[in-house]
Amino acid sequence: MECMNRRKRTLLAQTEQDVLEDTKPLARALHKWVVLGGPAGSAALRNWAQRELRGYDRVDLRAALPTHRLVVATRR
């Protein structure tokens, strides 16, 4: 059990480092978040990271997109 906890802490530290380094692709961190979501029991984290990697569902795009992905425009 301790080995698993250490592995999760190490993966979390690596993910944090990946995000902070501009030279590393964001996809690398997103893949790690998918992995971290499993042991953390967070389906929301896994789903979000998978959608960021693969794109959002076109069927219900407005409901699936997080608010930071929405672009608000006005008509003239």
PDB file of N, CA and C in Angstrom:
ATOM      1  N   MET A   1       0.823  -1.193   0.000  1.00  0.00           N
ATOM      2  CA  MET A   1       0.000   0.000   0.000  1.00  0.00           C
ATOM      3  C   MET A   1       0.877   1.270   0.000  1.00  0.00           C
ATOM      4  N   GLU A   2       1.925   1.254   0.791  1.00  0.00           N
ATOM      5  CA  GLU A   2       2.830   2.413   0.852  1.00  0.00           C
ATOM      6  C   GLU A   2       3.479   2.680  -0.500  1.00  0.00           C
ATOM      7  N   CYS A   3       3.825   1.604  -1.201  1.00  0.00           N
ATOM      8  CA  CYS A   3       4.437   1.753  -2.528  1.00  0.00           C
ATOM      9  C   CYS A   3       3.470   2.448  -3.482  1.00  0.00           C
ATOM     10  N   MET A   4       2.184   2.095  -3.417  1.00  0.00           N
ATOM     11  CA  MET A   4       1.161   2.709  -4.275  1.00  0.00           C
ATOM     12  C   MET A   4       1.010   4.183  -3.943  1.00  0.00           C
ATOM     13  N   ASN A   5       0.983   4.523  -2.654  1.00  0.00           N
ATOM     14  CA  ASN A   5       0.864   5.925  -2.249  1.00  0.00           C
ATOM     15  C   ASN A   5       2.073   6.724  -2.705  1.00  0.00           C
ATOM     16  N   ARG A   6       3.254   6.154  -2.599  1.00  0.00           N
ATOM     17  CA  ARG A   6       4.476   6.824  -3.040  1.00  0.00           C
ATOM     18  C   ARG A   6       4.432   7.055  -4.551  1.00  0.00           C
ATOM     19  N   ARG A   7       3.959   6.052  -5.276  1.00  0.00           N
ATOM     20  CA  ARG A   7       3.845   6.167  -6.740  1.00  0.00           C
ATOM     21  C   ARG A   7       2.892   7.299  -7.121  1.00  0.00           C
ATOM     22  N   LYS A   8       1.754   7.389  -6.428  1.00  0.00           N
ATOM     23  CA  LYS A   8       0.797   8.469  -6.702  1.00  0.00           C
ATOM     24  C   LYS A   8       1.404   9.828  -6.396  1.00  0.00           C
ATOM     25  N   ARG A   9       2.122   9.934  -5.282  1.00  0.00           N
ATOM     26  CA  ARG A   9       2.759  11.215  -4.931  1.00  0.00           C
ATOM     27  C   ARG A   9       3.803  11.593  -5.974  1.00  0.00           C
ATOM     28  N   THR A  10       4.566  10.610  -6.438  1.00  0.00           N
ATOM     29  CA  THR A  10       5.585  10.869  -7.449  1.00  0.00           C
ATOM     30  C   THR A  10       4.941  11.308  -8.753  1.00  0.00           C
ATOM     31  N   LEU A  11       3.874  10.637  -9.163  1.00  0.00           N
ATOM     32  CA  LEU A  11       3.170  10.987 -10.392  1.00  0.00           C
ATOM     33  C   LEU A  11       2.568  12.386 -10.282  1.00  0.00           C
ATOM     34  N   LEU A  12       2.029  12.708  -9.139  1.00  0.00           N
ATOM     35  CA  LEU A  12       1.477  14.048  -8.925  1.00  0.00           C
ATOM     36  C   LEU A  12       2.576  15.097  -9.020  1.00  0.00           C
ATOM     37  N   ALA A  13       3.723  14.840  -8.415  1.00  0.00           N
ATOM     38  CA  ALA A  13       4.848  15.784  -8.481  1.00  0.00           C
ATOM     39  C   ALA A  13       5.324  15.949  -9.924  1.00  0.00           C
ATOM     40  N   GLN A  14       5.396  14.848 -10.673  1.00  0.00           N
ATOM     41  CA  GLN A  14       5.804  14.920 -12.078  1.00  0.00           C
ATOM     42  C   GLN A  14       4.806  15.744 -12.885  1.00  0.00           C
ATOM     43  N   THR A  15       3.536  15.562 -12.622  1.00  0.00           N
ATOM     44  CA  THR A  15       2.493  16.295 -13.338  1.00  0.00           C
ATOM     45  C   THR A  15       2.592  17.781 -13.049  1.00  0.00           C
ATOM     46  N   GLU A  16       2.788  18.120 -11.792  1.00  0.00           N
ATOM     47  CA  GLU A  16       2.946  19.526 -11.433  1.00  0.00           C
ATOM     48  C   GLU A  16       4.150  20.133 -12.155  1.00  0.00           C
ATOM     49  N   GLN A  17       5.250  19.402 -12.212  1.00  0.00           N
ATOM     50  CA  GLN A  17       6.454  19.879 -12.888  1.00  0.00           C
ATOM     51  C   GLN A  17       6.205  20.052 -14.384  1.00  0.00           C
ATOM     52  N   ASP A  18       5.495  19.087 -14.995  1.00  0.00           N
ATOM     53  CA  ASP A  18       5.182  19.169 -16.430  1.00  0.00           C
ATOM     54  C   ASP A  18       4.384  20.419 -16.760  1.00  0.00           C
ATOM     55  N   VAL A  19       3.441  20.753 -15.908  1.00  0.00           N
ATOM     56  CA  VAL A  19       2.593  21.920 -16.142  1.00  0.00           C
ATOM     57  C   VAL A  19       3.407  23.207 -16.022  1.00  0.00           C
ATOM     58  N   LEU A  20       4.334  23.221 -15.103  1.00  0.00           N
ATOM     59  CA  LEU A  20       5.127  24.432 -14.869  1.00  0.00           C
ATOM     60  C   LEU A  20       6.216  24.654 -15.911  1.00  0.00           C
ATOM     61  N   GLU A  21       6.635  23.614 -16.596  1.00  0.00           N
ATOM     62  CA  GLU A  21       7.684  23.746 -17.604  1.00  0.00           C
ATOM     63  C   GLU A  21       7.062  24.006 -18.976  1.00  0.00           C
ATOM     64  N   ASP A  22       7.393  25.142 -19.540  1.00  0.00           N
ATOM     65  CA  ASP A  22       6.846  25.512 -20.853  1.00  0.00           C
ATOM     66  C   ASP A  22       7.339  24.614 -21.975  1.00  0.00           C
ATOM     67  N   THR A  23       8.442  23.926 -21.763  1.00  0.00           N
ATOM     68  CA  THR A  23       9.023  23.112 -22.831  1.00  0.00           C
ATOM     69  C   THR A  23       8.359  21.741 -22.974  1.00  0.00           C
ATOM     70  N   LYS A  24       7.567  21.346 -21.985  1.00  0.00           N
ATOM     71  CA  LYS A  24       6.918  20.032 -22.038  1.00  0.00           C
ATOM     72  C   LYS A  24       5.514  20.168 -22.603  1.00  0.00           C
ATOM     73  N   PRO A  25       5.108  19.221 -23.457  1.00  0.00           N
ATOM     74  CA  PRO A  25       3.757  19.294 -24.016  1.00  0.00           C
ATOM     75  C   PRO A  25       2.690  19.074 -22.937  1.00  0.00           C
ATOM     76  N   LEU A  26       1.609  19.816 -23.043  1.00  0.00           N
ATOM     77  CA  LEU A  26       0.518  19.704 -22.085  1.00  0.00           C
ATOM     78  C   LEU A  26      -0.099  18.309 -22.109  1.00  0.00           C
ATOM     79  N   ALA A  27      -0.090  17.662 -23.266  1.00  0.00           N
ATOM     80  CA  ALA A  27      -0.663  16.312 -23.375  1.00  0.00           C
ATOM     81  C   ALA A  27      -0.001  15.348 -22.400  1.00  0.00           C
ATOM     82  N   ARG A  28       1.263  15.544 -22.145  1.00  0.00           N
ATOM     83  CA  ARG A  28       1.986  14.679 -21.203  1.00  0.00           C
ATOM     84  C   ARG A  28       1.351  14.769 -19.815  1.00  0.00           C
ATOM     85  N   ALA A  29       1.062  15.977 -19.368  1.00  0.00           N
ATOM     86  CA  ALA A  29       0.424  16.159 -18.064  1.00  0.00           C
ATOM     87  C   ALA A  29      -1.005  15.625 -18.077  1.00  0.00           C
ATOM     88  N   LEU A  30      -1.730  15.850 -19.164  1.00  0.00           N
ATOM     89  CA  LEU A  30      -3.106  15.362 -19.247  1.00  0.00           C
ATOM     90  C   LEU A  30      -3.171  13.839 -19.158  1.00  0.00           C
ATOM     91  N   HIS A  31      -2.245  13.152 -19.798  1.00  0.00           N
ATOM     92  CA  HIS A  31      -2.208  11.688 -19.705  1.00  0.00           C
ATOM     93  C   HIS A  31      -1.986  11.255 -18.253  1.00  0.00           C
ATOM     94  N   LYS A  32      -1.132  11.969 -17.554  1.00  0.00           N
ATOM     95  CA  LYS A  32      -0.882  11.636 -16.150  1.00  0.00           C
ATOM     96  C   LYS A  32      -2.117  11.901 -15.300  1.00  0.00           C
ATOM     97  N   TRP A  33      -2.874  12.954 -15.620  1.00  0.00           N
ATOM     98  CA  TRP A  33      -4.102  13.227 -14.873  1.00  0.00           C
ATOM     99  C   TRP A  33      -5.133  12.131 -15.086  1.00  0.00           C
ATOM    100  N   VAL A  34      -5.181  11.568 -16.292  1.00  0.00           N
ATOM    101  CA  VAL A  34      -6.078  10.435 -16.538  1.00  0.00           C
ATOM    102  C   VAL A  34      -5.688   9.292 -15.608  1.00  0.00           C
ATOM    103  N   VAL A  35      -4.395   9.013 -15.526  1.00  0.00           N
ATOM    104  CA  VAL A  35      -3.907   7.934 -14.668  1.00  0.00           C
ATOM    105  C   VAL A  35      -4.191   8.240 -13.197  1.00  0.00           C
ATOM    106  N   LEU A  36      -3.931   9.456 -12.763  1.00  0.00           N
ATOM    107  CA  LEU A  36      -4.152   9.832 -11.370  1.00  0.00           C
ATOM    108  C   LEU A  36      -5.630   9.774 -10.975  1.00  0.00           C
ATOM    109  N   GLY A  37      -6.508  10.019 -11.919  1.00  0.00           N
ATOM    110  CA  GLY A  37      -7.940  10.007 -11.619  1.00  0.00           C
ATOM    111  C   GLY A  37      -8.440   8.649 -11.173  1.00  0.00           C
ATOM    112  N   GLY A  38      -7.792   7.584 -11.628  1.00  0.00           N
ATOM    113  CA  GLY A  38      -8.213   6.229 -11.248  1.00  0.00           C
ATOM    114  C   GLY A  38      -8.016   5.958  -9.769  1.00  0.00           C
ATOM    115  N   PRO A  39      -6.766   5.959  -9.279  1.00  0.00           N
ATOM    116  CA  PRO A  39      -6.543   5.693  -7.860  1.00  0.00           C
ATOM    117  C   PRO A  39      -7.176   6.738  -6.942  1.00  0.00           C
ATOM    118  N   ALA A  40      -7.326   7.954  -7.449  1.00  0.00           N
ATOM    119  CA  ALA A  40      -7.939   9.006  -6.634  1.00  0.00           C
ATOM    120  C   ALA A  40      -9.453   8.830  -6.566  1.00  0.00           C
ATOM    121  N   GLY A  41      -9.992   7.948  -7.410  1.00  0.00           N
ATOM    122  CA  GLY A  41     -11.440   7.727  -7.430  1.00  0.00           C
ATOM    123  C   GLY A  41     -12.190   8.903  -8.015  1.00  0.00           C
ATOM    124  N   SER A  42     -11.541   9.650  -8.908  1.00  0.00           N
ATOM    125  CA  SER A  42     -12.165  10.841  -9.476  1.00  0.00           C
ATOM    126  C   SER A  42     -12.495  10.637 -10.950  1.00  0.00           C
ATOM    127  N   ALA A  43     -13.718  10.209 -11.202  1.00  0.00           N
ATOM    128  CA  ALA A  43     -14.170  10.053 -12.586  1.00  0.00           C
ATOM    129  C   ALA A  43     -14.208  11.410 -13.283  1.00  0.00           C
ATOM    130  N   ALA A  44     -14.513  12.456 -12.538  1.00  0.00           N
ATOM    131  CA  ALA A  44     -14.570  13.797 -13.129  1.00  0.00           C
ATOM    132  C   ALA A  44     -13.196  14.220 -13.653  1.00  0.00           C
ATOM    133  N   LEU A  45     -12.144  13.945 -12.891  1.00  0.00           N
ATOM    134  CA  LEU A  45     -10.789  14.286 -13.332  1.00  0.00           C
ATOM    135  C   LEU A  45     -10.421  13.500 -14.577  1.00  0.00           C
ATOM    136  N   ARG A  46     -10.688  12.200 -14.560  1.00  0.00           N
ATOM    137  CA  ARG A  46     -10.385  11.353 -15.718  1.00  0.00           C
ATOM    138  C   ARG A  46     -11.151  11.817 -16.955  1.00  0.00           C
ATOM    139  N   ASN A  47     -12.447  12.069 -16.793  1.00  0.00           N
ATOM    140  CA  ASN A  47     -13.273  12.496 -17.930  1.00  0.00           C
ATOM    141  C   ASN A  47     -12.801  13.825 -18.497  1.00  0.00           C
ATOM    142  N   TRP A  48     -12.503  14.772 -17.609  1.00  0.00           N
ATOM    143  CA  TRP A  48     -12.036  16.083 -18.069  1.00  0.00           C
ATOM    144  C   TRP A  48     -10.738  15.952 -18.860  1.00  0.00           C
ATOM    145  N   ALA A  49      -9.776  15.222 -18.303  1.00  0.00           N
ATOM    146  CA  ALA A  49      -8.480  15.076 -18.963  1.00  0.00           C
ATOM    147  C   ALA A  49      -8.630  14.345 -20.306  1.00  0.00           C
ATOM    148  N   GLN A  50      -9.478  13.332 -20.352  1.00  0.00           N
ATOM    149  CA  GLN A  50      -9.704  12.616 -21.614  1.00  0.00           C
ATOM    150  C   GLN A  50     -10.348  13.516 -22.654  1.00  0.00           C
ATOM    151  N   ARG A  51     -11.288  14.356 -22.232  1.00  0.00           N
ATOM    152  CA  ARG A  51     -11.932  15.282 -23.184  1.00  0.00           C
ATOM    153  C   ARG A  51     -10.943  16.317 -23.684  1.00  0.00           C
ATOM    154  N   GLU A  52     -10.074  16.794 -22.800  1.00  0.00           N
ATOM    155  CA  GLU A  52      -9.057  17.754 -23.223  1.00  0.00           C
ATOM    156  C   GLU A  52      -8.116  17.116 -24.245  1.00  0.00           C
ATOM    157  N   LEU A  53      -7.798  15.848 -24.056  1.00  0.00           N
ATOM    158  CA  LEU A  53      -6.907  15.146 -24.976  1.00  0.00           C
ATOM    159  C   LEU A  53      -7.575  14.815 -26.306  1.00  0.00           C
ATOM    160  N   ARG A  54      -8.809  14.350 -26.253  1.00  0.00           N
ATOM    161  CA  ARG A  54      -9.480  13.817 -27.446  1.00  0.00           C
ATOM    162  C   ARG A  54     -10.508  14.740 -28.067  1.00  0.00           C
ATOM    163  N   GLY A  55     -10.850  15.800 -27.367  1.00  0.00           N
ATOM    164  CA  GLY A  55     -11.881  16.697 -27.860  1.00  0.00           C
ATOM    165  C   GLY A  55     -13.200  16.446 -27.153  1.00  0.00           C
ATOM    166  N   TYR A  56     -14.086  17.367 -27.304  1.00  0.00           N
ATOM    167  CA  TYR A  56     -15.376  17.298 -26.627  1.00  0.00           C
ATOM    168  C   TYR A  56     -16.446  16.757 -27.569  1.00  0.00           C
ATOM    169  N   ASP A  57     -17.428  16.076 -26.986  1.00  0.00           N
ATOM    170  CA  ASP A  57     -18.513  15.444 -27.731  1.00  0.00           C
ATOM    171  C   ASP A  57     -19.338  16.497 -28.469  1.00  0.00           C
ATOM    172  N   ARG A  58     -19.536  16.296 -29.737  1.00  0.00           N
ATOM    173  CA  ARG A  58     -20.295  17.255 -30.549  1.00  0.00           C
ATOM    174  C   ARG A  58     -21.800  17.171 -30.323  1.00  0.00           C
ATOM    175  N   VAL A  59     -22.281  16.061 -29.807  1.00  0.00           N
ATOM    176  CA  VAL A  59     -23.719  15.879 -29.613  1.00  0.00           C
ATOM    177  C   VAL A  59     -24.272  16.908 -28.628  1.00  0.00           C
ATOM    178  N   ASP A  60     -23.652  17.020 -27.481  1.00  0.00           N
ATOM    179  CA  ASP A  60     -24.110  17.963 -26.474  1.00  0.00           C
ATOM    180  C   ASP A  60     -22.934  18.855 -26.083  1.00  0.00           C
ATOM    181  N   LEU A  61     -22.391  19.536 -27.060  1.00  0.00           N
ATOM    182  CA  LEU A  61     -21.167  20.296 -26.885  1.00  0.00           C
ATOM    183  C   LEU A  61     -21.283  21.350 -25.788  1.00  0.00           C
ATOM    184  N   ARG A  62     -22.383  22.060 -25.756  1.00  0.00           N
ATOM    185  CA  ARG A  62     -22.528  23.139 -24.766  1.00  0.00           C
ATOM    186  C   ARG A  62     -22.523  22.598 -23.342  1.00  0.00           C
ATOM    187  N   ALA A  63     -23.154  21.446 -23.130  1.00  0.00           N
ATOM    188  CA  ALA A  63     -23.193  20.863 -21.788  1.00  0.00           C
ATOM    189  C   ALA A  63     -21.840  20.248 -21.414  1.00  0.00           C
ATOM    190  N   ALA A  64     -21.104  19.752 -22.404  1.00  0.00           N
ATOM    191  CA  ALA A  64     -19.847  19.065 -22.131  1.00  0.00           C
ATOM    192  C   ALA A  64     -18.681  20.021 -21.914  1.00  0.00           C
ATOM    193  N   LEU A  65     -18.749  21.199 -22.490  1.00  0.00           N
ATOM    194  CA  LEU A  65     -17.624  22.128 -22.398  1.00  0.00           C
ATOM    195  C   LEU A  65     -17.555  22.798 -21.030  1.00  0.00           C
ATOM    196  N   PRO A  66     -16.365  22.838 -20.449  1.00  0.00           N
ATOM    197  CA  PRO A  66     -16.218  23.617 -19.220  1.00  0.00           C
ATOM    198  C   PRO A  66     -16.316  25.106 -19.563  1.00  0.00           C
ATOM    199  N   THR A  67     -16.690  25.896 -18.601  1.00  0.00           N
ATOM    200  CA  THR A  67     -16.920  27.319 -18.863  1.00  0.00           C
ATOM    201  C   THR A  67     -15.683  28.032 -19.395  1.00  0.00           C
ATOM    202  N   HIS A  68     -14.493  27.567 -19.040  1.00  0.00           N
ATOM    203  CA  HIS A  68     -13.292  28.239 -19.542  1.00  0.00           C
ATOM    204  C   HIS A  68     -13.067  27.975 -21.032  1.00  0.00           C
ATOM    205  N   ARG A  69     -13.817  27.058 -21.620  1.00  0.00           N
ATOM    206  CA  ARG A  69     -13.704  26.761 -23.050  1.00  0.00           C
ATOM    207  C   ARG A  69     -14.770  27.483 -23.872  1.00  0.00           C
ATOM    208  N   LEU A  70     -15.748  28.089 -23.237  1.00  0.00           N
ATOM    209  CA  LEU A  70     -16.817  28.783 -23.949  1.00  0.00           C
ATOM    210  C   LEU A  70     -16.374  30.176 -24.386  1.00  0.00           C
ATOM    211  N   VAL A  71     -16.702  30.531 -25.607  1.00  0.00           N
ATOM    212  CA  VAL A  71     -16.402  31.865 -26.117  1.00  0.00           C
ATOM    213  C   VAL A  71     -17.731  32.593 -26.261  1.00  0.00           C
ATOM    214  N   VAL A  72     -17.858  33.705 -25.605  1.00  0.00           N
ATOM    215  CA  VAL A  72     -19.085  34.486 -25.639  1.00  0.00           C
ATOM    216  C   VAL A  72     -18.916  35.583 -26.695  1.00  0.00           C
ATOM    217  N   ALA A  73     -19.874  35.661 -27.594  1.00  0.00           N
ATOM    218  CA  ALA A  73     -19.824  36.695 -28.633  1.00  0.00           C
ATOM    219  C   ALA A  73     -21.202  37.344 -28.718  1.00  0.00           C
ATOM    220  N   THR A  74     -21.207  38.588 -29.116  1.00  0.00           N
ATOM    221  CA  THR A  74     -22.483  39.292 -29.270  1.00  0.00           C
ATOM    222  C   THR A  74     -22.717  39.590 -30.740  1.00  0.00           C
ATOM    223  N   ARG A  75     -23.974  39.695 -31.103  1.00  0.00           N
ATOM    224  CA  ARG A  75     -24.340  40.061 -32.483  1.00  0.00           C
ATOM    225  C   ARG A  75     -24.380  41.565 -32.614  1.00  0.00           C
ATOM    226  N   ARG A  76     -24.082  42.017 -33.806  1.00  0.00           N
ATOM    227  CA  ARG A  76     -24.187  43.448 -34.068  1.00  0.00           C
ATOM    228  C   ARG A  76     -25.423  43.721 -34.838  1.00  0.00           C
TER     229      ARG A  76
END
